[in-house]
Amino acid sequence: MSILKRNSKKDFEDLEPKEAFIKIEKHREDPDFVVLDVRTPEEYQTDHLENALLLDVKSIDFKDELEKMDKYKTYFVYCKAGRRSLNAIKLMKEQGYKNLININGGIDKWKSKRLPVTKN
């Protein structure tokens, strides 16, 4: 059961990796769409989604960094398996972010669907 089905109020979108990939590709050149990786720098260096912005949700600077970002852009948020991205989305909503999309199952599920990743 997805988080959205458990919550009575839907305040973000929850997409399966293939759906997210299609939307990300469609908006590839649009600066108002941002892919946000909320894993650690070490995880990011192993592999990540193309052009993803790294912002470690466990970092002590996470909330401060959120304050610097545009709250009205659309953010595709992902982590390894899904827990940290949901935590990040909760914090982002608290700070007034409007357009948030969780990539269900994180990069693990993304890769299991054989979708592309980038390695540093």
C-alpha atoms as a PDB file:
ATOM      1  CA  MET A   1       0.000   0.000   0.000  1.00  0.00           C
ATOM      2  CA  SER A   2       1.440   3.357  -0.924  1.00  0.00           C
ATOM      3  CA  ILE A   3       1.831   6.230   1.493  1.00  0.00           C
ATOM      4  CA  LEU A   4      -0.731   8.229  -0.459  1.00  0.00           C
ATOM      5  CA  LYS A   5      -3.403   5.614   0.097  1.00  0.00           C
ATOM      6  CA  ARG A   6      -2.748   5.720   3.837  1.00  0.00           C
ATOM      7  CA  ASN A   7      -2.851   9.521   3.995  1.00  0.00           C
ATOM      8  CA  SER A   8      -6.257  11.114   3.791  1.00  0.00           C
ATOM      9  CA  LYS A   9      -4.823  14.290   2.274  1.00  0.00           C
ATOM     10  CA  LYS A  10      -2.841  13.960  -0.947  1.00  0.00           C
ATOM     11  CA  ASP A  11      -0.258  16.727  -0.844  1.00  0.00           C
ATOM     12  CA  PHE A  12       2.294  15.291  -3.265  1.00  0.00           C
ATOM     13  CA  GLU A  13       2.326  12.975  -6.259  1.00  0.00           C
ATOM     14  CA  ASP A  14       3.653   9.426  -5.981  1.00  0.00           C
ATOM     15  CA  LEU A  15       4.850   8.007  -9.313  1.00  0.00           C
ATOM     16  CA  GLU A  16       6.186   4.634 -10.335  1.00  0.00           C
ATOM     17  CA  PRO A  17       9.667   4.834 -11.913  1.00  0.00           C
ATOM     18  CA  LYS A  18       8.494   4.373 -15.511  1.00  0.00           C
ATOM     19  CA  GLU A  19       5.899   7.138 -15.131  1.00  0.00           C
ATOM     20  CA  ALA A  20       8.484   9.403 -13.524  1.00  0.00           C
ATOM     21  CA  PHE A  21      10.981   8.669 -16.310  1.00  0.00           C
ATOM     22  CA  ILE A  22       8.446   9.703 -18.960  1.00  0.00           C
ATOM     23  CA  LYS A  23       7.686  12.983 -17.145  1.00  0.00           C
ATOM     24  CA  ILE A  24      11.366  13.720 -16.523  1.00  0.00           C
ATOM     25  CA  GLU A  25      12.181  13.133 -20.188  1.00  0.00           C
ATOM     26  CA  LYS A  26       9.275  15.325 -21.282  1.00  0.00           C
ATOM     27  CA  HIS A  27      10.532  18.203 -19.113  1.00  0.00           C
ATOM     28  CA  ARG A  28      14.271  17.618 -19.586  1.00  0.00           C
ATOM     29  CA  GLU A  29      14.938  21.152 -20.868  1.00  0.00           C
ATOM     30  CA  ASP A  30      12.527  22.908 -18.486  1.00  0.00           C
ATOM     31  CA  PRO A  31      14.400  24.680 -15.650  1.00  0.00           C
ATOM     32  CA  ASP A  32      11.249  24.551 -13.517  1.00  0.00           C
ATOM     33  CA  PHE A  33      11.555  20.761 -13.191  1.00  0.00           C
ATOM     34  CA  VAL A  34      14.281  19.461 -10.872  1.00  0.00           C
ATOM     35  CA  VAL A  35      15.342  15.896 -10.110  1.00  0.00           C
ATOM     36  CA  LEU A  36      16.377  15.862  -6.437  1.00  0.00           C
ATOM     37  CA  ASP A  37      18.508  13.055  -4.988  1.00  0.00           C
ATOM     38  CA  VAL A  38      18.285  13.073  -1.178  1.00  0.00           C
ATOM     39  CA  ARG A  39      20.846  10.306  -0.544  1.00  0.00           C
ATOM     40  CA  THR A  40      24.377  10.689   0.784  1.00  0.00           C
ATOM     41  CA  PRO A  41      27.203  12.031  -1.413  1.00  0.00           C
ATOM     42  CA  GLU A  42      28.763   8.542  -1.399  1.00  0.00           C
ATOM     43  CA  GLU A  43      25.565   6.971  -2.718  1.00  0.00           C
ATOM     44  CA  TYR A  44      25.236   9.704  -5.335  1.00  0.00           C
ATOM     45  CA  GLN A  45      28.764   9.058  -6.612  1.00  0.00           C
ATOM     46  CA  THR A  46      27.950   5.370  -7.109  1.00  0.00           C
ATOM     47  CA  ASP A  47      25.070   6.208  -9.439  1.00  0.00           C
ATOM     48  CA  HIS A  48      22.247   8.722  -9.798  1.00  0.00           C
ATOM     49  CA  LEU A  49      19.600   9.937 -12.185  1.00  0.00           C
ATOM     50  CA  GLU A  50      20.926  12.156 -14.954  1.00  0.00           C
ATOM     51  CA  ASN A  51      21.239  15.846 -13.966  1.00  0.00           C
ATOM     52  CA  ALA A  52      20.022  15.136 -10.431  1.00  0.00           C
ATOM     53  CA  LEU A  53      20.711  17.759  -7.786  1.00  0.00           C
ATOM     54  CA  LEU A  54      22.163  16.228  -4.607  1.00  0.00           C
ATOM     55  CA  LEU A  55      20.805  17.377  -1.258  1.00  0.00           C
ATOM     56  CA  ASP A  56      21.385  14.835   1.536  1.00  0.00           C
ATOM     57  CA  VAL A  57      18.258  14.729   3.714  1.00  0.00           C
ATOM     58  CA  LYS A  58      20.390  13.535   6.659  1.00  0.00           C
ATOM     59  CA  SER A  59      22.718  16.543   6.414  1.00  0.00           C
ATOM     60  CA  ILE A  60      22.525  19.126   9.194  1.00  0.00           C
ATOM     61  CA  ASP A  61      22.285  21.758   6.428  1.00  0.00           C
ATOM     62  CA  PHE A  62      19.296  20.176   4.667  1.00  0.00           C
ATOM     63  CA  LYS A  63      16.677  22.668   5.915  1.00  0.00           C
ATOM     64  CA  ASP A  64      18.997  25.630   5.313  1.00  0.00           C
ATOM     65  CA  GLU A  65      19.650  24.459   1.746  1.00  0.00           C
ATOM     66  CA  LEU A  66      15.908  24.103   1.164  1.00  0.00           C
ATOM     67  CA  GLU A  67      15.487  27.763   2.081  1.00  0.00           C
ATOM     68  CA  LYS A  68      17.743  28.718  -0.848  1.00  0.00           C
ATOM     69  CA  MET A  69      15.749  26.784  -3.453  1.00  0.00           C
ATOM     70  CA  ASP A  70      12.693  27.905  -5.428  1.00  0.00           C
ATOM     71  CA  LYS A  71       9.594  26.535  -3.683  1.00  0.00           C
ATOM     72  CA  TYR A  72       7.494  26.852  -6.840  1.00  0.00           C
ATOM     73  CA  LYS A  73       9.519  24.555  -9.093  1.00  0.00           C
ATOM     74  CA  THR A  74       8.487  20.925  -9.514  1.00  0.00           C
ATOM     75  CA  TYR A  75      10.777  18.459  -7.715  1.00  0.00           C
ATOM     76  CA  PHE A  76      11.082  14.748  -8.528  1.00  0.00           C
ATOM     77  CA  VAL A  77      12.439  13.442  -5.208  1.00  0.00           C
ATOM     78  CA  TYR A  78      14.149  10.083  -4.791  1.00  0.00           C
ATOM     79  CA  CYS A  79      16.468   8.165  -2.484  1.00  0.00           C
ATOM     80  CA  LYS A  80      17.595   4.532  -2.371  1.00  0.00           C
ATOM     81  CA  ALA A  81      14.301   2.758  -1.602  1.00  0.00           C
ATOM     82  CA  GLY A  82      11.728   5.410  -0.688  1.00  0.00           C
ATOM     83  CA  ARG A  83      11.887   6.199   3.017  1.00  0.00           C
ATOM     84  CA  ARG A  84      14.242   9.200   2.909  1.00  0.00           C
ATOM     85  CA  SER A  85      12.445  10.751  -0.055  1.00  0.00           C
ATOM     86  CA  LEU A  86       9.187  10.703   1.923  1.00  0.00           C
ATOM     87  CA  ASN A  87      10.968  12.321   4.879  1.00  0.00           C
ATOM     88  CA  ALA A  88      12.434  14.964   2.550  1.00  0.00           C
ATOM     89  CA  ILE A  89       9.023  15.648   1.019  1.00  0.00           C
ATOM     90  CA  LYS A  90       7.534  16.100   4.492  1.00  0.00           C
ATOM     91  CA  LEU A  91      10.216  18.678   5.358  1.00  0.00           C
ATOM     92  CA  MET A  92       9.793  20.387   1.993  1.00  0.00           C
ATOM     93  CA  LYS A  93       6.017  20.654   2.472  1.00  0.00           C
ATOM     94  CA  GLU A  94       6.621  22.186   5.924  1.00  0.00           C
ATOM     95  CA  GLN A  95       8.761  24.849   4.236  1.00  0.00           C
ATOM     96  CA  GLY A  96       6.086  25.676   1.683  1.00  0.00           C
ATOM     97  CA  TYR A  97       7.123  23.671  -1.376  1.00  0.00           C
ATOM     98  CA  LYS A  98       4.161  23.242  -3.703  1.00  0.00           C
ATOM     99  CA  ASN A  99       4.956  20.721  -6.461  1.00  0.00           C
ATOM    100  CA  LEU A 100       6.536  17.518  -5.186  1.00  0.00           C
ATOM    101  CA  ILE A 101       6.713  14.134  -6.840  1.00  0.00           C
ATOM    102  CA  ASN A 102       8.003  11.074  -5.007  1.00  0.00           C
ATOM    103  CA  ILE A 103       9.648   8.416  -7.194  1.00  0.00           C
ATOM    104  CA  ASN A 104       8.164   5.301  -5.641  1.00  0.00           C
ATOM    105  CA  GLY A 105      10.767   2.719  -4.579  1.00  0.00           C
ATOM    106  CA  GLY A 106      13.709   5.072  -5.126  1.00  0.00           C
ATOM    107  CA  ILE A 107      16.684   4.375  -7.337  1.00  0.00           C
ATOM    108  CA  ASP A 108      16.573   0.667  -6.454  1.00  0.00           C
ATOM    109  CA  LYS A 109      13.167   0.241  -8.078  1.00  0.00           C
ATOM    110  CA  TRP A 110      14.214   2.610 -10.901  1.00  0.00           C
ATOM    111  CA  LYS A 111      17.165   0.335 -11.725  1.00  0.00           C
ATOM    112  CA  SER A 112      15.047  -2.806 -11.407  1.00  0.00           C
ATOM    113  CA  LYS A 113      12.952  -1.424 -14.275  1.00  0.00           C
ATOM    114  CA  ARG A 114      16.173  -1.019 -16.300  1.00  0.00           C
ATOM    115  CA  LEU A 115      15.834   2.751 -16.468  1.00  0.00           C
ATOM    116  CA  PRO A 116      19.034   4.772 -17.082  1.00  0.00           C
ATOM    117  CA  VAL A 117      21.375   5.995 -14.358  1.00  0.00           C
ATOM    118  CA  THR A 118      24.582   7.996 -14.524  1.00  0.00           C
ATOM    119  CA  LYS A 119      27.826   7.139 -12.778  1.00  0.00           C
ATOM    120  CA  ASN A 120      30.512   9.662 -11.810  1.00  0.00           C
END
